[in-house]
Amino acid sequence: MGRIAVTGSIATDHLMRFPGSFSEQLLPDQLHTVSLSFLVDALDVRYGGVAGNIAYGLGRLGLSPFLIGAVGTDFAAYRTWLESHGVDCEFVRVSETAQTSRFTCTTDTSMCQIASFYPGAMAEAAQIDLAPLLARSNPPDLVIVAADDPAAMVRHADQCRRIGQPFVADPSQQLATMPGEVVTAFITGADYLVTNEYEEHLLLAKSGFTPRELLDRVAVQVTTLGERGVRITGRDIEPVCVPAAGGVRPVDPTGAGDAFRAGFFGGLGWGLSPRRAAEVGCQLGALALESVGTQEYTVDPAGFGERLAASYGDEAAADVWSHWTA
């Protein structure tokens, strides 16, 4: 697997910190009238969006990904940032009327979050045609179809499916808004399905599938389990469970899942086994978890290798290093 294309949201993140616990402010018998304002003690404005985050991580690993999504005319500085970190922005659509999407998130001391998302230019993502990219003489080997305008997600998955282009179905936050039949249409035929544990249950409930029936629709299912790591199942592979990376000093969970995806699919791009790729993903996710902002971490190969060895053993680190440098 060589270059990877990532479709999905591209946004600016406004990240705030509440120096308390949300649960202590919520009265169970008054949730139907909830009206709360949280006084925060920190605000960071960062670049984000799931596609931007995943592409940034792939770029940090040296994989020169294609980024595909819709942005506003305010994207210029963000474009420069991504391109300086190895991301190809040729296929990003710039809206003439809307601003780039905006994610606003408040995190409490327990790492719980309350967030809002303004789609803005993302509403035009369904107008993006993947055909010119997929018809190139050197098309991407894999397309990650991440959370985006639902119509864009379905269209891009369908374009991949119709020509046999390997793709990843990564519905994440959009599962809450997608009806069951749309979820089914989106994931069917995916080479990989990626969700977290809650999203897995929500997807099964919306689609009506059993776990076995789900694997009749997708080849490999990757389920992130937070501090318990990741579980990988598939039609033709033995189940794999990889623990989370060790020695993590969590600061902000925003973007850790996106970094995992970059590390996992980047590892597969190097030719690693699913287990090894998941270890890379977990370690990259740990770097994001230790940073405020989704694209603030750096990847020092030597230091990354040392942390991989500490988390997963010297053999794992040596295996990853041999593929990475190749």
C-alpha atoms as a PDB file:
ATOM      1  CA  MET A   1       0.000   0.000   0.000  1.00  0.00           C
ATOM      2  CA  GLY A   2       1.454   3.360  -1.012  1.00  0.00           C
ATOM      3  CA  ARG A   3      -0.275   6.735  -0.876  1.00  0.00           C
ATOM      4  CA  ILE A   4      -3.522   7.202   1.014  1.00  0.00           C
ATOM      5  CA  ALA A   5      -6.356   9.660   0.320  1.00  0.00           C
ATOM      6  CA  VAL A   6      -8.457  10.987   3.184  1.00  0.00           C
ATOM      7  CA  THR A   7     -11.912  12.452   2.661  1.00  0.00           C
ATOM      8  CA  GLY A   8     -13.830  14.120   5.471  1.00  0.00           C
ATOM      9  CA  SER A   9     -14.232  17.233   7.548  1.00  0.00           C
ATOM     10  CA  ILE A  10     -11.613  19.981   7.654  1.00  0.00           C
ATOM     11  CA  ALA A  11     -12.198  22.374  10.534  1.00  0.00           C
ATOM     12  CA  THR A  12     -10.859  24.879  13.004  1.00  0.00           C
ATOM     13  CA  ASP A  13     -11.000  23.643  16.618  1.00  0.00           C
ATOM     14  CA  HIS A  14     -11.830  25.887  19.569  1.00  0.00           C
ATOM     15  CA  LEU A  15     -10.782  23.831  22.597  1.00  0.00           C
ATOM     16  CA  MET A  16     -11.689  24.893  26.135  1.00  0.00           C
ATOM     17  CA  ARG A  17     -10.991  23.413  29.564  1.00  0.00           C
ATOM     18  CA  PHE A  18     -13.490  23.333  32.439  1.00  0.00           C
ATOM     19  CA  PRO A  19     -11.724  22.979  35.832  1.00  0.00           C
ATOM     20  CA  GLY A  20     -14.387  20.711  37.289  1.00  0.00           C
ATOM     21  CA  SER A  21     -16.624  17.766  36.458  1.00  0.00           C
ATOM     22  CA  PHE A  22     -19.649  18.004  34.158  1.00  0.00           C
ATOM     23  CA  SER A  23     -21.348  15.172  36.063  1.00  0.00           C
ATOM     24  CA  GLU A  24     -21.424  17.256  39.250  1.00  0.00           C
ATOM     25  CA  GLN A  25     -23.360  19.993  37.446  1.00  0.00           C
ATOM     26  CA  LEU A  26     -25.999  17.755  35.833  1.00  0.00           C
ATOM     27  CA  LEU A  27     -29.143  16.973  37.831  1.00  0.00           C
ATOM     28  CA  PRO A  28     -30.670  13.691  36.568  1.00  0.00           C
ATOM     29  CA  ASP A  29     -34.248  14.765  37.317  1.00  0.00           C
ATOM     30  CA  GLN A  30     -33.796  18.135  35.567  1.00  0.00           C
ATOM     31  CA  LEU A  31     -32.118  17.115  32.310  1.00  0.00           C
ATOM     32  CA  HIS A  32     -35.261  18.025  30.360  1.00  0.00           C
ATOM     33  CA  THR A  33     -34.746  21.669  31.395  1.00  0.00           C
ATOM     34  CA  VAL A  34     -30.952  21.778  31.362  1.00  0.00           C
ATOM     35  CA  SER A  35     -29.486  25.254  30.821  1.00  0.00           C
ATOM     36  CA  LEU A  36     -25.869  25.538  31.861  1.00  0.00           C
ATOM     37  CA  SER A  37     -22.895  27.778  31.241  1.00  0.00           C
ATOM     38  CA  PHE A  38     -19.417  26.533  32.144  1.00  0.00           C
ATOM     39  CA  LEU A  39     -16.758  29.059  33.093  1.00  0.00           C
ATOM     40  CA  VAL A  40     -13.613  27.742  31.402  1.00  0.00           C
ATOM     41  CA  ASP A  41     -10.039  28.581  32.326  1.00  0.00           C
ATOM     42  CA  ALA A  42      -8.300  27.927  28.991  1.00  0.00           C
ATOM     43  CA  LEU A  43      -8.962  28.391  25.278  1.00  0.00           C
ATOM     44  CA  ASP A  44      -6.841  27.070  22.419  1.00  0.00           C
ATOM     45  CA  VAL A  45      -7.668  27.651  18.741  1.00  0.00           C
ATOM     46  CA  ARG A  46      -6.194  24.888  16.600  1.00  0.00           C
ATOM     47  CA  TYR A  47      -6.459  23.277  13.190  1.00  0.00           C
ATOM     48  CA  GLY A  48      -8.620  20.139  13.066  1.00  0.00           C
ATOM     49  CA  GLY A  49     -11.423  18.205  11.385  1.00  0.00           C
ATOM     50  CA  VAL A  50     -11.135  14.429  11.145  1.00  0.00           C
ATOM     51  CA  ALA A  51      -9.732  14.393   7.599  1.00  0.00           C
ATOM     52  CA  GLY A  52      -7.276  17.173   8.381  1.00  0.00           C
ATOM     53  CA  ASN A  53      -6.159  15.360  11.528  1.00  0.00           C
ATOM     54  CA  ILE A  54      -5.702  11.982   9.863  1.00  0.00           C
ATOM     55  CA  ALA A  55      -3.881  13.524   6.903  1.00  0.00           C
ATOM     56  CA  TYR A  56      -1.596  15.441   9.278  1.00  0.00           C
ATOM     57  CA  GLY A  57      -0.689  12.211  11.083  1.00  0.00           C
ATOM     58  CA  LEU A  58       0.022  10.411   7.821  1.00  0.00           C
ATOM     59  CA  GLY A  59       2.162  13.338   6.717  1.00  0.00           C
ATOM     60  CA  ARG A  60       4.104  13.183   9.979  1.00  0.00           C
ATOM     61  CA  LEU A  61       4.859   9.543   9.171  1.00  0.00           C
ATOM     62  CA  GLY A  62       6.157  10.512   5.711  1.00  0.00           C
ATOM     63  CA  LEU A  63       3.282   9.086   3.650  1.00  0.00           C
ATOM     64  CA  SER A  64       2.324  12.212   1.599  1.00  0.00           C
ATOM     65  CA  PRO A  65      -1.468  11.748   1.801  1.00  0.00           C
ATOM     66  CA  PHE A  66      -4.078  13.375  -0.423  1.00  0.00           C
ATOM     67  CA  LEU A  67      -6.588  15.502   1.531  1.00  0.00           C
ATOM     68  CA  ILE A  68     -10.114  15.765   0.117  1.00  0.00           C
ATOM     69  CA  GLY A  69     -12.790  17.988   1.639  1.00  0.00           C
ATOM     70  CA  ALA A  70     -14.585  21.335   1.401  1.00  0.00           C
ATOM     71  CA  VAL A  71     -13.284  24.516   3.055  1.00  0.00           C
ATOM     72  CA  GLY A  72     -13.897  28.253   3.048  1.00  0.00           C
ATOM     73  CA  THR A  73     -11.785  31.123   1.765  1.00  0.00           C
ATOM     74  CA  ASP A  74     -10.315  31.329   5.280  1.00  0.00           C
ATOM     75  CA  PHE A  75      -8.370  28.082   4.609  1.00  0.00           C
ATOM     76  CA  ALA A  76      -5.156  29.671   3.283  1.00  0.00           C
ATOM     77  CA  ALA A  77      -3.117  29.545   6.491  1.00  0.00           C
ATOM     78  CA  TYR A  78      -4.367  26.039   7.277  1.00  0.00           C
ATOM     79  CA  ARG A  79      -3.388  24.895   3.752  1.00  0.00           C
ATOM     80  CA  THR A  80       0.128  26.222   4.256  1.00  0.00           C
ATOM     81  CA  TRP A  81       0.371  24.365   7.567  1.00  0.00           C
ATOM     82  CA  LEU A  82      -0.733  21.046   6.073  1.00  0.00           C
ATOM     83  CA  GLU A  83       1.432  21.333   2.986  1.00  0.00           C
ATOM     84  CA  SER A  84       4.453  22.100   5.165  1.00  0.00           C
ATOM     85  CA  HIS A  85       3.819  18.740   6.862  1.00  0.00           C
ATOM     86  CA  GLY A  86       3.599  16.667   3.685  1.00  0.00           C
ATOM     87  CA  VAL A  87      -0.140  16.798   2.934  1.00  0.00           C
ATOM     88  CA  ASP A  88      -1.262  17.160  -0.719  1.00  0.00           C
ATOM     89  CA  CYS A  89      -4.162  19.653  -0.812  1.00  0.00           C
ATOM     90  CA  GLU A  90      -4.708  19.655  -4.593  1.00  0.00           C
ATOM     91  CA  PHE A  91      -8.179  18.131  -4.280  1.00  0.00           C
ATOM     92  CA  VAL A  92      -9.525  20.397  -1.513  1.00  0.00           C
ATOM     93  CA  ARG A  93     -12.619  22.335  -2.658  1.00  0.00           C
ATOM     94  CA  VAL A  94     -12.796  26.013  -1.634  1.00  0.00           C
ATOM     95  CA  SER A  95     -16.324  27.397  -1.137  1.00  0.00           C
ATOM     96  CA  GLU A  96     -17.124  30.840  -2.446  1.00  0.00           C
ATOM     97  CA  THR A  97     -19.729  31.534   0.255  1.00  0.00           C
ATOM     98  CA  ALA A  98     -19.178  29.506   3.440  1.00  0.00           C
ATOM     99  CA  GLN A  99     -16.494  29.484   6.106  1.00  0.00           C
ATOM    100  CA  THR A 100     -14.425  26.450   7.000  1.00  0.00           C
ATOM    101  CA  SER A 101     -16.149  24.137   9.487  1.00  0.00           C
ATOM    102  CA  ARG A 102     -15.722  24.898  13.181  1.00  0.00           C
ATOM    103  CA  PHE A 103     -15.526  22.491  16.144  1.00  0.00           C
ATOM    104  CA  THR A 104     -16.095  23.898  19.649  1.00  0.00           C
ATOM    105  CA  CYS A 105     -15.300  21.562  22.538  1.00  0.00           C
ATOM    106  CA  THR A 106     -15.082  21.843  26.329  1.00  0.00           C
ATOM    107  CA  THR A 107     -13.217  19.141  28.272  1.00  0.00           C
ATOM    108  CA  ASP A 108     -13.552  18.629  32.035  1.00  0.00           C
ATOM    109  CA  THR A 109     -11.026  17.230  34.518  1.00  0.00           C
ATOM    110  CA  SER A 110     -12.305  13.677  33.905  1.00  0.00           C
ATOM    111  CA  MET A 111     -11.612  14.020  30.149  1.00  0.00           C
ATOM    112  CA  CYS A 112     -15.364  14.100  29.445  1.00  0.00           C
ATOM    113  CA  GLN A 113     -16.351  16.447  26.630  1.00  0.00           C
ATOM    114  CA  ILE A 114     -19.276  18.594  25.479  1.00  0.00           C
ATOM    115  CA  ALA A 115     -18.917  19.736  21.882  1.00  0.00           C
ATOM    116  CA  SER A 116     -20.669  21.444  18.987  1.00  0.00           C
ATOM    117  CA  PHE A 117     -19.831  21.353  15.280  1.00  0.00           C
ATOM    118  CA  TYR A 118     -20.685  24.001  12.672  1.00  0.00           C
ATOM    119  CA  PRO A 119     -20.465  22.379   9.205  1.00  0.00           C
ATOM    120  CA  GLY A 120     -20.049  25.530   7.086  1.00  0.00           C
ATOM    121  CA  ALA A 121     -18.329  24.674   3.800  1.00  0.00           C
ATOM    122  CA  MET A 122     -18.559  20.968   4.612  1.00  0.00           C
ATOM    123  CA  ALA A 123     -22.119  21.109   3.243  1.00  0.00           C
ATOM    124  CA  GLU A 124     -20.540  21.338  -0.233  1.00  0.00           C
ATOM    125  CA  ALA A 125     -18.415  18.203   0.163  1.00  0.00           C
ATOM    126  CA  ALA A 126     -20.916  16.077  -1.766  1.00  0.00           C
ATOM    127  CA  GLN A 127     -20.041  18.131  -4.849  1.00  0.00           C
ATOM    128  CA  ILE A 128     -16.481  16.778  -4.784  1.00  0.00           C
ATOM    129  CA  ASP A 129     -15.928  14.123  -7.439  1.00  0.00           C
ATOM    130  CA  LEU A 130     -13.262  11.514  -6.654  1.00  0.00           C
ATOM    131  CA  ALA A 131     -13.092  10.365 -10.284  1.00  0.00           C
ATOM    132  CA  PRO A 132     -10.179  12.647 -11.341  1.00  0.00           C
ATOM    133  CA  LEU A 133      -8.075  11.396  -8.426  1.00  0.00           C
ATOM    134  CA  LEU A 134      -8.995   7.726  -8.834  1.00  0.00           C
ATOM    135  CA  ALA A 135      -8.397   7.867 -12.621  1.00  0.00           C
ATOM    136  CA  ARG A 136      -4.828   9.142 -12.288  1.00  0.00           C
ATOM    137  CA  SER A 137      -1.957   6.983 -13.470  1.00  0.00           C
ATOM    138  CA  ASN A 138      -0.846   6.781  -9.827  1.00  0.00           C
ATOM    139  CA  PRO A 139      -4.104   6.731  -7.835  1.00  0.00           C
ATOM    140  CA  PRO A 140      -4.120   6.227  -4.065  1.00  0.00           C
ATOM    141  CA  ASP A 141      -3.990   2.638  -2.866  1.00  0.00           C
ATOM    142  CA  LEU A 142      -6.558   3.328  -0.139  1.00  0.00           C
ATOM    143  CA  VAL A 143      -9.257   5.956   0.425  1.00  0.00           C
ATOM    144  CA  ILE A 144     -10.306   6.718   4.000  1.00  0.00           C
ATOM    145  CA  VAL A 145     -13.901   7.986   3.893  1.00  0.00           C
ATOM    146  CA  ALA A 146     -14.165   9.734   7.262  1.00  0.00           C
ATOM    147  CA  ALA A 147     -16.908  11.804   8.912  1.00  0.00           C
ATOM    148  CA  ASP A 148     -18.159  14.459   6.512  1.00  0.00           C
ATOM    149  CA  ASP A 149     -21.440  15.670   5.095  1.00  0.00           C
ATOM    150  CA  PRO A 150     -23.409  12.359   5.034  1.00  0.00           C
ATOM    151  CA  ALA A 151     -24.267  12.743   1.343  1.00  0.00           C
ATOM    152  CA  ALA A 152     -20.554  13.152   0.584  1.00  0.00           C
ATOM    153  CA  MET A 153     -19.682  10.075   2.645  1.00  0.00           C
ATOM    154  CA  VAL A 154     -22.196   7.919   0.769  1.00  0.00           C
ATOM    155  CA  ARG A 155     -21.139   9.315  -2.617  1.00  0.00           C
ATOM    156  CA  HIS A 156     -17.429   8.807  -2.040  1.00  0.00           C
ATOM    157  CA  ALA A 157     -17.888   5.284  -0.663  1.00  0.00           C
ATOM    158  CA  ASP A 158     -20.065   4.446  -3.682  1.00  0.00           C
ATOM    159  CA  GLN A 159     -17.474   5.804  -6.110  1.00  0.00           C
ATOM    160  CA  CYS A 160     -14.827   3.590  -4.516  1.00  0.00           C
ATOM    161  CA  ARG A 161     -17.103   0.559  -4.470  1.00  0.00           C
ATOM    162  CA  ARG A 162     -18.107   0.854  -8.128  1.00  0.00           C
ATOM    163  CA  ILE A 163     -14.518   0.731  -9.437  1.00  0.00           C
ATOM    164  CA  GLY A 164     -13.120  -1.650  -6.841  1.00  0.00           C
ATOM    165  CA  GLN A 165     -11.060   1.017  -5.070  1.00  0.00           C
ATOM    166  CA  PRO A 166     -10.138  -0.197  -1.554  1.00  0.00           C
ATOM    167  CA  PHE A 167     -11.702   2.093   1.049  1.00  0.00           C
ATOM    168  CA  VAL A 168     -12.206   2.606   4.759  1.00  0.00           C
ATOM    169  CA  ALA A 169     -15.664   3.403   6.172  1.00  0.00           C
ATOM    170  CA  ASP A 170     -15.127   5.658   9.203  1.00  0.00           C
ATOM    171  CA  PRO A 171     -18.520   7.158  10.157  1.00  0.00           C
ATOM    172  CA  SER A 172     -17.556   8.286  13.712  1.00  0.00           C
ATOM    173  CA  GLN A 173     -19.542  11.382  14.783  1.00  0.00           C
ATOM    174  CA  GLN A 174     -21.955  11.222  11.861  1.00  0.00           C
ATOM    175  CA  LEU A 175     -23.463   7.935  13.045  1.00  0.00           C
ATOM    176  CA  ALA A 176     -25.773   9.952  15.295  1.00  0.00           C
ATOM    177  CA  THR A 177     -27.390  11.673  12.293  1.00  0.00           C
ATOM    178  CA  MET A 178     -27.366   8.847   9.719  1.00  0.00           C
ATOM    179  CA  PRO A 179     -30.498   6.651   9.401  1.00  0.00           C
ATOM    180  CA  GLY A 180     -29.983   2.899   9.466  1.00  0.00           C
ATOM    181  CA  GLU A 181     -30.391   2.449   5.718  1.00  0.00           C
ATOM    182  CA  VAL A 182     -27.810   5.167   5.044  1.00  0.00           C
ATOM    183  CA  VAL A 183     -25.370   3.574   7.491  1.00  0.00           C
ATOM    184  CA  THR A 184     -25.812   0.236   5.709  1.00  0.00           C
ATOM    185  CA  ALA A 185     -25.299   1.799   2.281  1.00  0.00           C
ATOM    186  CA  PHE A 186     -22.185   3.600   3.496  1.00  0.00           C
ATOM    187  CA  ILE A 187     -20.338   0.678   5.076  1.00  0.00           C
ATOM    188  CA  THR A 188     -21.227  -2.105   2.609  1.00  0.00           C
ATOM    189  CA  GLY A 189     -18.195  -3.327   0.715  1.00  0.00           C
ATOM    190  CA  ALA A 190     -15.664  -1.466   2.864  1.00  0.00           C
ATOM    191  CA  ASP A 191     -12.257  -3.059   3.237  1.00  0.00           C
ATOM    192  CA  TYR A 192     -12.088  -1.608   6.749  1.00  0.00           C
ATOM    193  CA  LEU A 193     -14.724  -0.302   9.148  1.00  0.00           C
ATOM    194  CA  VAL A 194     -13.426   1.866  12.003  1.00  0.00           C
ATOM    195  CA  THR A 195     -15.479   2.878  15.057  1.00  0.00           C
ATOM    196  CA  ASN A 196     -15.016   3.295  18.769  1.00  0.00           C
ATOM    197  CA  GLU A 197     -16.790   0.899  21.132  1.00  0.00           C
ATOM    198  CA  TYR A 198     -19.905   3.030  21.614  1.00  0.00           C
ATOM    199  CA  GLU A 199     -20.178   3.714  17.900  1.00  0.00           C
ATOM    200  CA  GLU A 200     -19.937  -0.034  17.232  1.00  0.00           C
ATOM    201  CA  HIS A 201     -23.031  -0.651  19.373  1.00  0.00           C
ATOM    202  CA  LEU A 202     -24.852   2.306  17.810  1.00  0.00           C
ATOM    203  CA  LEU A 203     -24.021   1.049  14.306  1.00  0.00           C
ATOM    204  CA  LEU A 204     -25.315  -2.442  15.113  1.00  0.00           C
ATOM    205  CA  ALA A 205     -28.515  -0.973  16.563  1.00  0.00           C
ATOM    206  CA  LYS A 206     -29.126   1.291  13.556  1.00  0.00           C
ATOM    207  CA  SER A 207     -28.283  -1.321  10.926  1.00  0.00           C
ATOM    208  CA  GLY A 208     -29.989  -4.230  12.679  1.00  0.00           C
ATOM    209  CA  PHE A 209     -26.956  -6.443  12.006  1.00  0.00           C
ATOM    210  CA  THR A 210     -25.449  -8.960  14.371  1.00  0.00           C
ATOM    211  CA  PRO A 211     -21.641  -8.787  14.741  1.00  0.00           C
ATOM    212  CA  ARG A 212     -21.383 -11.799  12.398  1.00  0.00           C
ATOM    213  CA  GLU A 213     -23.660 -10.181   9.807  1.00  0.00           C
ATOM    214  CA  LEU A 214     -21.593  -7.007   9.988  1.00  0.00           C
ATOM    215  CA  LEU A 215     -18.524  -8.951   8.858  1.00  0.00           C
ATOM    216  CA  ASP A 216     -20.524 -10.127   5.851  1.00  0.00           C
ATOM    217  CA  ARG A 217     -20.624  -6.446   4.827  1.00  0.00           C
ATOM    218  CA  VAL A 218     -17.061  -5.345   5.646  1.00  0.00           C
ATOM    219  CA  ALA A 219     -13.786  -7.236   5.403  1.00  0.00           C
ATOM    220  CA  VAL A 220     -12.085  -5.994   8.592  1.00  0.00           C
ATOM    221  CA  GLN A 221     -13.583  -4.260  11.618  1.00  0.00           C
ATOM    222  CA  VAL A 222     -11.354  -2.058  13.785  1.00  0.00           C
ATOM    223  CA  THR A 223     -12.828  -1.007  17.136  1.00  0.00           C
ATOM    224  CA  THR A 224     -10.959   1.434  19.378  1.00  0.00           C
ATOM    225  CA  LEU A 225     -11.481   0.789  23.093  1.00  0.00           C
ATOM    226  CA  GLY A 226     -10.028   3.911  24.711  1.00  0.00           C
ATOM    227  CA  GLU A 227      -7.625   3.087  27.533  1.00  0.00           C
ATOM    228  CA  ARG A 228      -8.096  -0.646  26.758  1.00  0.00           C
ATOM    229  CA  GLY A 229      -6.545  -0.332  23.299  1.00  0.00           C
ATOM    230  CA  VAL A 230      -8.054  -1.698  20.094  1.00  0.00           C
ATOM    231  CA  ARG A 231      -9.779  -4.835  18.812  1.00  0.00           C
ATOM    232  CA  ILE A 232      -9.478  -6.037  15.192  1.00  0.00           C
ATOM    233  CA  THR A 233     -11.704  -8.734  13.688  1.00  0.00           C
ATOM    234  CA  GLY A 234     -12.257  -9.858  10.121  1.00  0.00           C
ATOM    235  CA  ARG A 235     -13.463 -12.550   7.785  1.00  0.00           C
ATOM    236  CA  ASP A 236     -10.049 -13.959   6.975  1.00  0.00           C
ATOM    237  CA  ILE A 237      -7.900 -12.935   9.940  1.00  0.00           C
ATOM    238  CA  GLU A 238      -7.491 -14.122  13.494  1.00  0.00           C
ATOM    239  CA  PRO A 239      -8.915 -11.631  16.036  1.00  0.00           C
ATOM    240  CA  VAL A 240      -6.295  -9.226  17.351  1.00  0.00           C
ATOM    241  CA  CYS A 241      -6.402  -7.255  20.612  1.00  0.00           C
ATOM    242  CA  VAL A 242      -3.705  -4.640  21.180  1.00  0.00           C
ATOM    243  CA  PRO A 243      -3.426  -2.817  24.529  1.00  0.00           C
ATOM    244  CA  ALA A 244      -3.095   0.938  24.699  1.00  0.00           C
ATOM    245  CA  ALA A 245       0.398   2.402  24.718  1.00  0.00           C
ATOM    246  CA  GLY A 246       1.993   2.677  28.135  1.00  0.00           C
ATOM    247  CA  GLY A 247       3.437   5.644  29.995  1.00  0.00           C
ATOM    248  CA  VAL A 248       0.885   8.093  28.616  1.00  0.00           C
ATOM    249  CA  ARG A 249       0.457  11.490  30.288  1.00  0.00           C
ATOM    250  CA  PRO A 250      -3.007  12.555  29.030  1.00  0.00           C
ATOM    251  CA  VAL A 251      -3.667  16.228  28.444  1.00  0.00           C
ATOM    252  CA  ASP A 252      -6.513  16.397  25.897  1.00  0.00           C
ATOM    253  CA  PRO A 253      -8.303  13.454  24.240  1.00  0.00           C
ATOM    254  CA  THR A 254      -9.391  15.463  21.185  1.00  0.00           C
ATOM    255  CA  GLY A 255      -7.890  13.958  18.036  1.00  0.00           C
ATOM    256  CA  ALA A 256      -6.393  10.854  19.638  1.00  0.00           C
ATOM    257  CA  GLY A 257      -8.709   8.613  17.601  1.00  0.00           C
ATOM    258  CA  ASP A 258      -7.726  10.389  14.400  1.00  0.00           C
ATOM    259  CA  ALA A 259      -4.039   9.943  15.231  1.00  0.00           C
ATOM    260  CA  PHE A 260      -4.691   6.235  15.826  1.00  0.00           C
ATOM    261  CA  ARG A 261      -6.219   5.973  12.349  1.00  0.00           C
ATOM    262  CA  ALA A 262      -3.205   7.717  10.814  1.00  0.00           C
ATOM    263  CA  GLY A 263      -0.817   5.388  12.594  1.00  0.00           C
ATOM    264  CA  PHE A 264      -2.804   2.245  11.845  1.00  0.00           C
ATOM    265  CA  PHE A 265      -3.303   2.869   8.144  1.00  0.00           C
ATOM    266  CA  GLY A 266       0.163   4.365   7.830  1.00  0.00           C
ATOM    267  CA  GLY A 267       1.542   1.162   9.346  1.00  0.00           C
ATOM    268  CA  LEU A 268      -0.433  -0.935   6.895  1.00  0.00           C
ATOM    269  CA  GLY A 269       0.950   1.321   4.172  1.00  0.00           C
ATOM    270  CA  TRP A 270       4.456   0.336   5.250  1.00  0.00           C
ATOM    271  CA  GLY A 271       3.503  -3.348   4.959  1.00  0.00           C
ATOM    272  CA  LEU A 272       3.089  -4.075   8.670  1.00  0.00           C
ATOM    273  CA  SER A 273       0.742  -6.742  10.008  1.00  0.00           C
ATOM    274  CA  PRO A 274      -2.575  -5.528  11.496  1.00  0.00           C
ATOM    275  CA  ARG A 275      -1.188  -6.085  15.014  1.00  0.00           C
ATOM    276  CA  ARG A 276       1.961  -4.056  14.376  1.00  0.00           C
ATOM    277  CA  ALA A 277      -0.014  -1.351  12.574  1.00  0.00           C
ATOM    278  CA  ALA A 278      -2.380  -1.116  15.555  1.00  0.00           C
ATOM    279  CA  GLU A 279       0.614  -0.715  17.863  1.00  0.00           C
ATOM    280  CA  VAL A 280       1.836   2.181  15.730  1.00  0.00           C
ATOM    281  CA  GLY A 281      -1.676   3.627  15.823  1.00  0.00           C
ATOM    282  CA  CYS A 282      -1.933   3.355  19.598  1.00  0.00           C
ATOM    283  CA  GLN A 283       1.477   4.978  20.057  1.00  0.00           C
ATOM    284  CA  LEU A 284       0.641   7.831  17.677  1.00  0.00           C
ATOM    285  CA  GLY A 285      -2.693   8.262  19.463  1.00  0.00           C
ATOM    286  CA  ALA A 286      -0.759   8.568  22.723  1.00  0.00           C
ATOM    287  CA  LEU A 287       1.270  11.453  21.275  1.00  0.00           C
ATOM    288  CA  ALA A 288      -1.950  13.264  20.348  1.00  0.00           C
ATOM    289  CA  LEU A 289      -3.411  12.536  23.786  1.00  0.00           C
ATOM    290  CA  GLU A 290      -0.417  14.245  25.378  1.00  0.00           C
ATOM    291  CA  SER A 291      -0.915  17.449  23.352  1.00  0.00           C
ATOM    292  CA  VAL A 292      -3.447  20.269  23.422  1.00  0.00           C
ATOM    293  CA  GLY A 293      -4.778  20.367  19.879  1.00  0.00           C
ATOM    294  CA  THR A 294      -5.116  17.630  17.308  1.00  0.00           C
ATOM    295  CA  GLN A 295      -2.126  18.597  15.151  1.00  0.00           C
ATOM    296  CA  GLU A 296       0.390  19.769  17.723  1.00  0.00           C
ATOM    297  CA  TYR A 297       2.332  16.552  18.288  1.00  0.00           C
ATOM    298  CA  THR A 298       5.595  15.804  16.522  1.00  0.00           C
ATOM    299  CA  VAL A 299       7.045  12.432  15.519  1.00  0.00           C
ATOM    300  CA  ASP A 300      10.711  11.913  16.280  1.00  0.00           C
ATOM    301  CA  PRO A 301      11.531   8.474  14.810  1.00  0.00           C
ATOM    302  CA  ALA A 302      14.118   7.596  17.458  1.00  0.00           C
ATOM    303  CA  GLY A 303      11.927   8.684  20.349  1.00  0.00           C
ATOM    304  CA  PHE A 304       8.896   7.034  18.781  1.00  0.00           C
ATOM    305  CA  GLY A 305      10.827   3.777  18.505  1.00  0.00           C
ATOM    306  CA  GLU A 306      11.862   3.953  22.156  1.00  0.00           C
ATOM    307  CA  ARG A 307       8.286   4.422  23.263  1.00  0.00           C
ATOM    308  CA  LEU A 308       7.117   1.583  21.021  1.00  0.00           C
ATOM    309  CA  ALA A 309       9.708  -0.673  22.627  1.00  0.00           C
ATOM    310  CA  ALA A 310       8.570   0.353  26.100  1.00  0.00           C
ATOM    311  CA  SER A 311       4.926  -0.283  25.224  1.00  0.00           C
ATOM    312  CA  TYR A 312       5.154  -3.368  23.006  1.00  0.00           C
ATOM    313  CA  GLY A 313       8.679  -4.766  23.257  1.00  0.00           C
ATOM    314  CA  ASP A 314      11.954  -4.510  21.375  1.00  0.00           C
ATOM    315  CA  GLU A 315      10.826  -6.933  18.663  1.00  0.00           C
ATOM    316  CA  ALA A 316       7.813  -4.769  17.841  1.00  0.00           C
ATOM    317  CA  ALA A 317       9.959  -1.627  17.666  1.00  0.00           C
ATOM    318  CA  ALA A 318      12.540  -3.322  15.435  1.00  0.00           C
ATOM    319  CA  ASP A 319       9.842  -4.646  13.099  1.00  0.00           C
ATOM    320  CA  VAL A 320       8.206  -1.227  12.778  1.00  0.00           C
ATOM    321  CA  TRP A 321      11.584   0.456  12.251  1.00  0.00           C
ATOM    322  CA  SER A 322      12.587  -1.914   9.438  1.00  0.00           C
ATOM    323  CA  HIS A 323       9.355  -1.259   7.554  1.00  0.00           C
ATOM    324  CA  TRP A 324       9.355   2.478   8.269  1.00  0.00           C
ATOM    325  CA  THR A 325      12.882   3.052   7.002  1.00  0.00           C
ATOM    326  CA  ALA A 326      12.277   0.828   3.962  1.00  0.00           C
END
